[in-house]
Amino acid sequence: MRDLYQRLTLTPDASDQEINSAVARCPNSALRQDAETVLGVAEHRDAYNKLHKTVSDIGQLRARLGLTHAAHWQGDVANDFSLPPDHAISRHDELIDRVSLAVSLYNRWRRFKGPWLLIALFTIGAGIGVAFGLALGLGLSIG
């Protein structure tokens, strides 16, 4: 499907007068005939506009996914609704990055948890031993 609006340098909300003017000055006879048939009849234009919206959305989706036509398809009718790759990060990729960060932090915690737990237990045990020793020493020296 050709993007008649793009090829006639119009927007989909162009008026009938703008369409007629663009069709009249179009040098390509096949394109002019297609535009007259599709955009010149109100019912045909309504149906075309629905399809145009759907195919444009698919083109945007393809661009967001980084899918483009090969070089030999450039300028072809099949390339009318293709957009250059969109390098914006998708919400899915952002979520994957955040989950990956959380997993790496958790794995780092698990790796260091064992040694730090032993150090904490040793410190607590030593503190209890010192406190018990002081209490015992003070108890013996008083009596």
N, C-alpha and C. Protein backbone atom coordinates (compact mmCIF):
# COMPACT_ATOMS: atom_id res chain seq x y z
N MET A 1 0.85 -1.18 0.00
CA MET A 1 0.00 0.00 0.00
C MET A 1 0.89 1.24 0.00
N ARG A 2 0.59 2.14 -0.86
CA ARG A 2 1.34 3.40 -0.93
C ARG A 2 0.78 4.39 0.08
N ASP A 3 1.66 5.20 0.59
CA ASP A 3 1.23 6.30 1.44
C ASP A 3 0.97 7.49 0.52
N LEU A 4 -0.27 7.62 0.10
CA LEU A 4 -0.63 8.67 -0.84
C LEU A 4 -0.40 10.06 -0.25
N TYR A 5 -0.64 10.20 1.03
CA TYR A 5 -0.41 11.50 1.67
C TYR A 5 1.07 11.88 1.61
N GLN A 6 1.92 10.93 1.93
CA GLN A 6 3.36 11.19 1.91
C GLN A 6 3.83 11.51 0.50
N ARG A 7 3.37 10.73 -0.46
CA ARG A 7 3.81 10.93 -1.84
C ARG A 7 3.28 12.22 -2.45
N LEU A 8 2.16 12.72 -1.94
CA LEU A 8 1.61 13.99 -2.42
C LEU A 8 2.01 15.15 -1.50
N THR A 9 2.84 14.85 -0.50
CA THR A 9 3.28 15.82 0.53
C THR A 9 2.09 16.51 1.18
N LEU A 10 1.17 15.68 1.66
CA LEU A 10 -0.01 16.15 2.37
C LEU A 10 -0.06 15.51 3.75
N THR A 11 -0.91 16.04 4.61
CA THR A 11 -1.19 15.40 5.89
C THR A 11 -2.53 14.70 5.77
N PRO A 12 -2.80 13.69 6.60
CA PRO A 12 -4.09 12.98 6.52
C PRO A 12 -5.30 13.88 6.79
N ASP A 13 -5.10 15.01 7.43
CA ASP A 13 -6.24 15.89 7.68
C ASP A 13 -6.33 17.03 6.65
N ALA A 14 -5.74 16.81 5.48
CA ALA A 14 -5.78 17.82 4.41
C ALA A 14 -7.21 18.00 3.90
N SER A 15 -7.50 19.20 3.50
CA SER A 15 -8.85 19.50 2.98
C SER A 15 -8.98 18.96 1.55
N ASP A 16 -10.22 18.88 1.08
CA ASP A 16 -10.48 18.43 -0.29
C ASP A 16 -9.78 19.33 -1.31
N GLN A 17 -9.78 20.62 -1.03
CA GLN A 17 -9.13 21.56 -1.93
C GLN A 17 -7.62 21.31 -2.00
N GLU A 18 -6.99 21.07 -0.85
CA GLU A 18 -5.55 20.79 -0.82
C GLU A 18 -5.23 19.49 -1.56
N ILE A 19 -6.09 18.49 -1.39
CA ILE A 19 -5.89 17.21 -2.08
C ILE A 19 -6.01 17.40 -3.58
N ASN A 20 -7.06 18.10 -4.02
CA ASN A 20 -7.26 18.32 -5.46
C ASN A 20 -6.10 19.10 -6.06
N SER A 21 -5.59 20.08 -5.34
CA SER A 21 -4.46 20.86 -5.82
C SER A 21 -3.20 20.00 -5.93
N ALA A 22 -2.95 19.15 -4.90
CA ALA A 22 -1.76 18.28 -4.92
C ALA A 22 -1.87 17.23 -6.02
N VAL A 23 -3.06 16.70 -6.25
CA VAL A 23 -3.27 15.71 -7.31
C VAL A 23 -3.05 16.35 -8.68
N ALA A 24 -3.53 17.57 -8.85
CA ALA A 24 -3.41 18.25 -10.14
C ALA A 24 -1.95 18.53 -10.50
N ARG A 25 -1.12 18.83 -9.54
CA ARG A 25 0.28 19.14 -9.85
C ARG A 25 1.21 17.92 -9.73
N CYS A 26 0.64 16.73 -9.49
CA CYS A 26 1.43 15.50 -9.39
C CYS A 26 1.93 15.08 -10.77
N PRO A 27 3.26 14.91 -10.94
CA PRO A 27 3.79 14.56 -12.27
C PRO A 27 3.64 13.09 -12.63
N ASN A 28 3.41 12.23 -11.65
CA ASN A 28 3.31 10.79 -11.89
C ASN A 28 1.85 10.44 -12.20
N SER A 29 1.60 9.96 -13.40
CA SER A 29 0.22 9.70 -13.82
C SER A 29 -0.41 8.54 -13.04
N ALA A 30 0.34 7.50 -12.72
CA ALA A 30 -0.21 6.38 -11.95
C ALA A 30 -0.57 6.82 -10.54
N LEU A 31 0.29 7.61 -9.92
CA LEU A 31 0.02 8.12 -8.59
C LEU A 31 -1.17 9.07 -8.61
N ARG A 32 -1.24 9.90 -9.63
CA ARG A 32 -2.35 10.83 -9.77
C ARG A 32 -3.67 10.07 -9.90
N GLN A 33 -3.69 9.02 -10.72
CA GLN A 33 -4.90 8.21 -10.92
C GLN A 33 -5.30 7.52 -9.60
N ASP A 34 -4.32 6.95 -8.88
CA ASP A 34 -4.62 6.31 -7.59
C ASP A 34 -5.19 7.32 -6.59
N ALA A 35 -4.58 8.49 -6.53
CA ALA A 35 -5.03 9.51 -5.59
C ALA A 35 -6.43 9.99 -5.93
N GLU A 36 -6.72 10.15 -7.21
CA GLU A 36 -8.07 10.57 -7.60
C GLU A 36 -9.10 9.52 -7.22
N THR A 37 -8.75 8.24 -7.42
CA THR A 37 -9.68 7.15 -7.12
C THR A 37 -9.89 6.99 -5.63
N VAL A 38 -8.80 7.07 -4.86
CA VAL A 38 -8.89 6.80 -3.42
C VAL A 38 -9.26 8.03 -2.63
N LEU A 39 -8.58 9.13 -2.85
CA LEU A 39 -8.81 10.32 -2.04
C LEU A 39 -9.91 11.22 -2.59
N GLY A 40 -10.28 11.02 -3.84
CA GLY A 40 -11.30 11.86 -4.46
C GLY A 40 -12.72 11.46 -4.10
N VAL A 41 -12.92 10.23 -3.64
CA VAL A 41 -14.26 9.74 -3.27
C VAL A 41 -14.31 9.64 -1.75
N ALA A 42 -15.31 10.26 -1.13
CA ALA A 42 -15.38 10.36 0.33
C ALA A 42 -15.36 8.99 1.02
N GLU A 43 -16.14 8.02 0.50
CA GLU A 43 -16.19 6.70 1.14
C GLU A 43 -14.83 5.99 1.02
N HIS A 44 -14.21 6.12 -0.16
CA HIS A 44 -12.90 5.50 -0.36
C HIS A 44 -11.86 6.15 0.55
N ARG A 45 -11.96 7.47 0.69
CA ARG A 45 -10.99 8.17 1.54
C ARG A 45 -11.15 7.76 2.99
N ASP A 46 -12.38 7.61 3.47
CA ASP A 46 -12.60 7.17 4.85
C ASP A 46 -12.00 5.79 5.10
N ALA A 47 -12.23 4.86 4.17
CA ALA A 47 -11.66 3.52 4.30
C ALA A 47 -10.13 3.58 4.25
N TYR A 48 -9.60 4.39 3.34
CA TYR A 48 -8.14 4.54 3.22
C TYR A 48 -7.55 5.13 4.50
N ASN A 49 -8.23 6.12 5.08
CA ASN A 49 -7.73 6.75 6.30
C ASN A 49 -7.64 5.76 7.46
N LYS A 50 -8.62 4.85 7.57
CA LYS A 50 -8.57 3.82 8.62
C LYS A 50 -7.37 2.91 8.40
N LEU A 51 -7.20 2.46 7.16
CA LEU A 51 -6.05 1.60 6.86
C LEU A 51 -4.73 2.36 7.04
N HIS A 52 -4.71 3.62 6.64
CA HIS A 52 -3.51 4.46 6.77
C HIS A 52 -3.10 4.56 8.23
N LYS A 53 -4.06 4.76 9.13
CA LYS A 53 -3.77 4.86 10.57
C LYS A 53 -3.19 3.54 11.07
N THR A 54 -3.78 2.43 10.69
CA THR A 54 -3.31 1.13 11.14
C THR A 54 -1.90 0.84 10.63
N VAL A 55 -1.67 1.06 9.36
CA VAL A 55 -0.36 0.78 8.77
C VAL A 55 0.69 1.75 9.33
N SER A 56 0.31 2.99 9.61
CA SER A 56 1.25 3.94 10.22
C SER A 56 1.64 3.48 11.62
N ASP A 57 0.65 2.96 12.37
CA ASP A 57 0.96 2.44 13.71
C ASP A 57 1.91 1.25 13.63
N ILE A 58 1.71 0.39 12.64
CA ILE A 58 2.60 -0.75 12.45
C ILE A 58 4.01 -0.26 12.10
N GLY A 59 4.10 0.78 11.27
CA GLY A 59 5.40 1.36 10.94
C GLY A 59 6.11 1.91 12.16
N GLN A 60 5.36 2.56 13.05
CA GLN A 60 5.95 3.07 14.28
C GLN A 60 6.40 1.94 15.18
N LEU A 61 5.61 0.87 15.26
CA LEU A 61 6.00 -0.29 16.05
C LEU A 61 7.28 -0.93 15.50
N ARG A 62 7.35 -1.07 14.19
CA ARG A 62 8.56 -1.63 13.57
C ARG A 62 9.78 -0.77 13.89
N ALA A 63 9.61 0.54 13.83
CA ALA A 63 10.72 1.45 14.13
C ALA A 63 11.14 1.31 15.59
N ARG A 64 10.17 1.18 16.49
CA ARG A 64 10.46 1.04 17.91
C ARG A 64 11.21 -0.27 18.19
N LEU A 65 10.92 -1.29 17.39
CA LEU A 65 11.60 -2.58 17.53
C LEU A 65 12.92 -2.63 16.77
N GLY A 66 13.22 -1.57 16.02
CA GLY A 66 14.48 -1.54 15.27
C GLY A 66 14.41 -2.29 13.95
N LEU A 67 13.22 -2.58 13.47
CA LEU A 67 13.05 -3.32 12.22
C LEU A 67 12.91 -2.34 11.06
N THR A 68 13.77 -2.45 10.08
CA THR A 68 13.68 -1.60 8.90
C THR A 68 13.88 -2.46 7.67
N HIS A 69 13.50 -1.91 6.53
CA HIS A 69 13.69 -2.63 5.28
C HIS A 69 15.15 -2.57 4.87
N ALA A 70 15.56 -3.57 4.12
CA ALA A 70 16.94 -3.62 3.63
C ALA A 70 17.17 -2.49 2.62
N ALA A 71 18.42 -2.25 2.32
CA ALA A 71 18.79 -1.12 1.46
C ALA A 71 18.13 -1.20 0.08
N HIS A 72 17.98 -2.42 -0.47
CA HIS A 72 17.40 -2.54 -1.81
C HIS A 72 15.90 -2.24 -1.83
N TRP A 73 15.26 -2.11 -0.67
CA TRP A 73 13.85 -1.77 -0.62
C TRP A 73 13.63 -0.28 -0.43
N GLN A 74 14.70 0.48 -0.17
CA GLN A 74 14.55 1.91 0.07
C GLN A 74 13.95 2.58 -1.16
N GLY A 75 12.99 3.45 -0.93
CA GLY A 75 12.32 4.14 -2.03
C GLY A 75 11.21 3.33 -2.67
N ASP A 76 11.04 2.10 -2.27
CA ASP A 76 10.00 1.23 -2.82
C ASP A 76 8.68 1.50 -2.11
N VAL A 77 7.57 1.08 -2.72
CA VAL A 77 6.25 1.25 -2.13
C VAL A 77 6.19 0.57 -0.76
N ALA A 78 6.87 -0.55 -0.60
CA ALA A 78 6.84 -1.28 0.66
C ALA A 78 7.49 -0.49 1.79
N ASN A 79 8.24 0.52 1.45
CA ASN A 79 8.95 1.31 2.45
C ASN A 79 8.20 2.58 2.85
N ASP A 80 7.03 2.83 2.27
CA ASP A 80 6.30 4.06 2.55
C ASP A 80 6.00 4.26 4.03
N PHE A 81 5.67 3.22 4.73
CA PHE A 81 5.28 3.36 6.13
C PHE A 81 6.40 2.99 7.10
N SER A 82 7.61 2.77 6.59
CA SER A 82 8.74 2.48 7.45
C SER A 82 9.34 3.78 7.96
N LEU A 83 9.73 3.76 9.19
CA LEU A 83 10.37 4.91 9.80
C LEU A 83 11.78 4.51 10.17
N PRO A 84 12.67 5.47 10.35
CA PRO A 84 14.01 5.11 10.80
C PRO A 84 13.94 4.48 12.18
N PRO A 85 14.90 3.65 12.53
CA PRO A 85 14.84 2.98 13.84
C PRO A 85 14.74 4.00 14.97
N ASP A 86 13.89 3.68 15.91
CA ASP A 86 13.71 4.53 17.08
C ASP A 86 14.58 3.96 18.19
N HIS A 87 15.56 4.72 18.61
CA HIS A 87 16.51 4.22 19.60
C HIS A 87 16.10 4.56 21.02
N ALA A 88 14.86 5.01 21.20
CA ALA A 88 14.38 5.27 22.55
C ALA A 88 14.20 3.93 23.25
N ILE A 89 14.54 3.88 24.53
CA ILE A 89 14.43 2.63 25.27
C ILE A 89 12.95 2.37 25.55
N SER A 90 12.53 1.14 25.33
CA SER A 90 11.13 0.79 25.56
C SER A 90 10.92 0.55 27.05
N ARG A 91 9.67 0.57 27.47
CA ARG A 91 9.35 0.34 28.88
C ARG A 91 9.76 -1.07 29.28
N HIS A 92 9.63 -2.02 28.36
CA HIS A 92 10.04 -3.39 28.65
C HIS A 92 11.53 -3.46 28.92
N ASP A 93 12.33 -2.82 28.06
CA ASP A 93 13.78 -2.82 28.25
C ASP A 93 14.16 -2.12 29.55
N GLU A 94 13.46 -1.04 29.88
CA GLU A 94 13.72 -0.33 31.14
C GLU A 94 13.43 -1.23 32.33
N LEU A 95 12.33 -1.97 32.27
CA LEU A 95 11.98 -2.89 33.35
C LEU A 95 13.03 -4.00 33.47
N ILE A 96 13.47 -4.54 32.34
CA ILE A 96 14.50 -5.58 32.36
C ILE A 96 15.78 -5.04 32.99
N ASP A 97 16.16 -3.82 32.67
CA ASP A 97 17.35 -3.21 33.26
C ASP A 97 17.21 -3.06 34.77
N ARG A 98 16.03 -2.63 35.23
CA ARG A 98 15.82 -2.46 36.67
C ARG A 98 15.84 -3.80 37.40
N VAL A 99 15.23 -4.83 36.81
CA VAL A 99 15.23 -6.16 37.44
C VAL A 99 16.65 -6.72 37.45
N SER A 100 17.40 -6.50 36.39
CA SER A 100 18.79 -6.98 36.34
C SER A 100 19.63 -6.32 37.42
N LEU A 101 19.43 -5.04 37.65
CA LEU A 101 20.15 -4.34 38.70
C LEU A 101 19.79 -4.91 40.07
N ALA A 102 18.50 -5.15 40.32
CA ALA A 102 18.07 -5.72 41.59
C ALA A 102 18.66 -7.10 41.81
N VAL A 103 18.69 -7.91 40.76
CA VAL A 103 19.27 -9.26 40.87
C VAL A 103 20.76 -9.19 41.15
N SER A 104 21.46 -8.27 40.49
CA SER A 104 22.91 -8.17 40.73
C SER A 104 23.19 -7.71 42.15
N LEU A 105 22.38 -6.77 42.68
CA LEU A 105 22.56 -6.34 44.07
C LEU A 105 22.26 -7.47 45.04
N TYR A 106 21.22 -8.24 44.77
CA TYR A 106 20.89 -9.38 45.62
C TYR A 106 22.01 -10.42 45.59
N ASN A 107 22.52 -10.70 44.39
CA ASN A 107 23.61 -11.68 44.30
C ASN A 107 24.86 -11.19 45.02
N ARG A 108 25.14 -9.90 44.94
CA ARG A 108 26.29 -9.33 45.65
C ARG A 108 26.09 -9.48 47.16
N TRP A 109 24.88 -9.23 47.65
CA TRP A 109 24.56 -9.37 49.07
C TRP A 109 24.74 -10.83 49.50
N ARG A 110 24.27 -11.76 48.70
CA ARG A 110 24.41 -13.18 49.04
C ARG A 110 25.87 -13.60 49.09
N ARG A 111 26.68 -13.06 48.18
CA ARG A 111 28.09 -13.42 48.13
C ARG A 111 28.82 -12.93 49.38
N PHE A 112 28.49 -11.74 49.87
CA PHE A 112 29.18 -11.17 51.02
C PHE A 112 28.47 -11.44 52.34
N LYS A 113 27.28 -12.01 52.30
CA LYS A 113 26.50 -12.25 53.50
C LYS A 113 27.21 -13.21 54.44
N GLY A 114 27.77 -14.28 53.93
CA GLY A 114 28.44 -15.28 54.77
C GLY A 114 29.58 -14.70 55.60
N PRO A 115 30.57 -14.06 54.97
CA PRO A 115 31.68 -13.49 55.77
C PRO A 115 31.21 -12.42 56.75
N TRP A 116 30.28 -11.56 56.34
CA TRP A 116 29.82 -10.51 57.25
C TRP A 116 29.01 -11.09 58.40
N LEU A 117 28.30 -12.16 58.16
CA LEU A 117 27.55 -12.81 59.22
C LEU A 117 28.50 -13.40 60.25
N LEU A 118 29.58 -14.03 59.80
CA LEU A 118 30.58 -14.58 60.73
C LEU A 118 31.24 -13.47 61.55
N ILE A 119 31.58 -12.37 60.89
CA ILE A 119 32.20 -11.24 61.59
C ILE A 119 31.23 -10.68 62.64
N ALA A 120 29.95 -10.54 62.26
CA ALA A 120 28.95 -10.01 63.20
C ALA A 120 28.78 -10.96 64.39
N LEU A 121 28.69 -12.26 64.12
CA LEU A 121 28.55 -13.23 65.22
C LEU A 121 29.78 -13.21 66.14
N PHE A 122 30.96 -13.14 65.56
CA PHE A 122 32.18 -13.08 66.35
C PHE A 122 32.21 -11.82 67.21
N THR A 123 31.81 -10.69 66.64
CA THR A 123 31.81 -9.43 67.38
C THR A 123 30.79 -9.47 68.52
N ILE A 124 29.61 -10.00 68.25
CA ILE A 124 28.59 -10.13 69.30
C ILE A 124 29.06 -11.07 70.39
N GLY A 125 29.62 -12.20 69.99
CA GLY A 125 30.14 -13.16 70.98
C GLY A 125 31.25 -12.57 71.82
N ALA A 126 32.16 -11.85 71.16
CA ALA A 126 33.25 -11.21 71.90
C ALA A 126 32.70 -10.16 72.85
N GLY A 127 31.73 -9.40 72.44
CA GLY A 127 31.12 -8.38 73.31
C GLY A 127 30.45 -9.01 74.51
N ILE A 128 29.71 -10.11 74.27
CA ILE A 128 29.06 -10.81 75.39
C ILE A 128 30.12 -11.38 76.33
N GLY A 129 31.19 -11.94 75.75
CA GLY A 129 32.26 -12.50 76.59
C GLY A 129 32.93 -11.43 77.43
N VAL A 130 33.20 -10.28 76.83
CA VAL A 130 33.83 -9.18 77.58
C VAL A 130 32.89 -8.70 78.68
N ALA A 131 31.60 -8.52 78.36
CA ALA A 131 30.63 -8.07 79.36
C ALA A 131 30.51 -9.10 80.49
N PHE A 132 30.45 -10.38 80.15
CA PHE A 132 30.35 -11.43 81.17
C PHE A 132 31.62 -11.46 82.02
N GLY A 133 32.76 -11.31 81.33
CA GLY A 133 34.04 -11.29 82.07
C GLY A 133 34.13 -10.11 83.02
N LEU A 134 33.70 -8.94 82.56
CA LEU A 134 33.71 -7.77 83.44
C LEU A 134 32.76 -7.96 84.63
N ALA A 135 31.56 -8.48 84.33
CA ALA A 135 30.58 -8.70 85.40
C ALA A 135 31.12 -9.73 86.40
N LEU A 136 31.75 -10.77 85.89
CA LEU A 136 32.30 -11.81 86.77
C LEU A 136 33.48 -11.25 87.57
N GLY A 137 34.33 -10.47 86.90
CA GLY A 137 35.46 -9.86 87.58
C GLY A 137 35.03 -8.88 88.64
N LEU A 138 34.02 -8.08 88.34
CA LEU A 138 33.52 -7.14 89.34
C LEU A 138 32.80 -7.87 90.48
N GLY A 139 32.14 -8.98 90.19
CA GLY A 139 31.45 -9.76 91.18
C GLY A 139 32.42 -10.43 92.13
N LEU A 140 33.57 -10.89 91.65
CA LEU A 140 34.56 -11.54 92.48
C LEU A 140 35.32 -10.54 93.33
N SER A 141 35.59 -9.38 92.77
CA SER A 141 36.37 -8.41 93.53
C SER A 141 35.53 -7.74 94.62
N ILE A 142 34.25 -7.71 94.51
CA ILE A 142 33.39 -7.10 95.55
C ILE A 142 33.27 -8.05 96.73
N GLY A 143 33.17 -9.31 96.46
CA GLY A 143 32.90 -10.29 97.51
C GLY A 143 34.11 -10.73 98.16
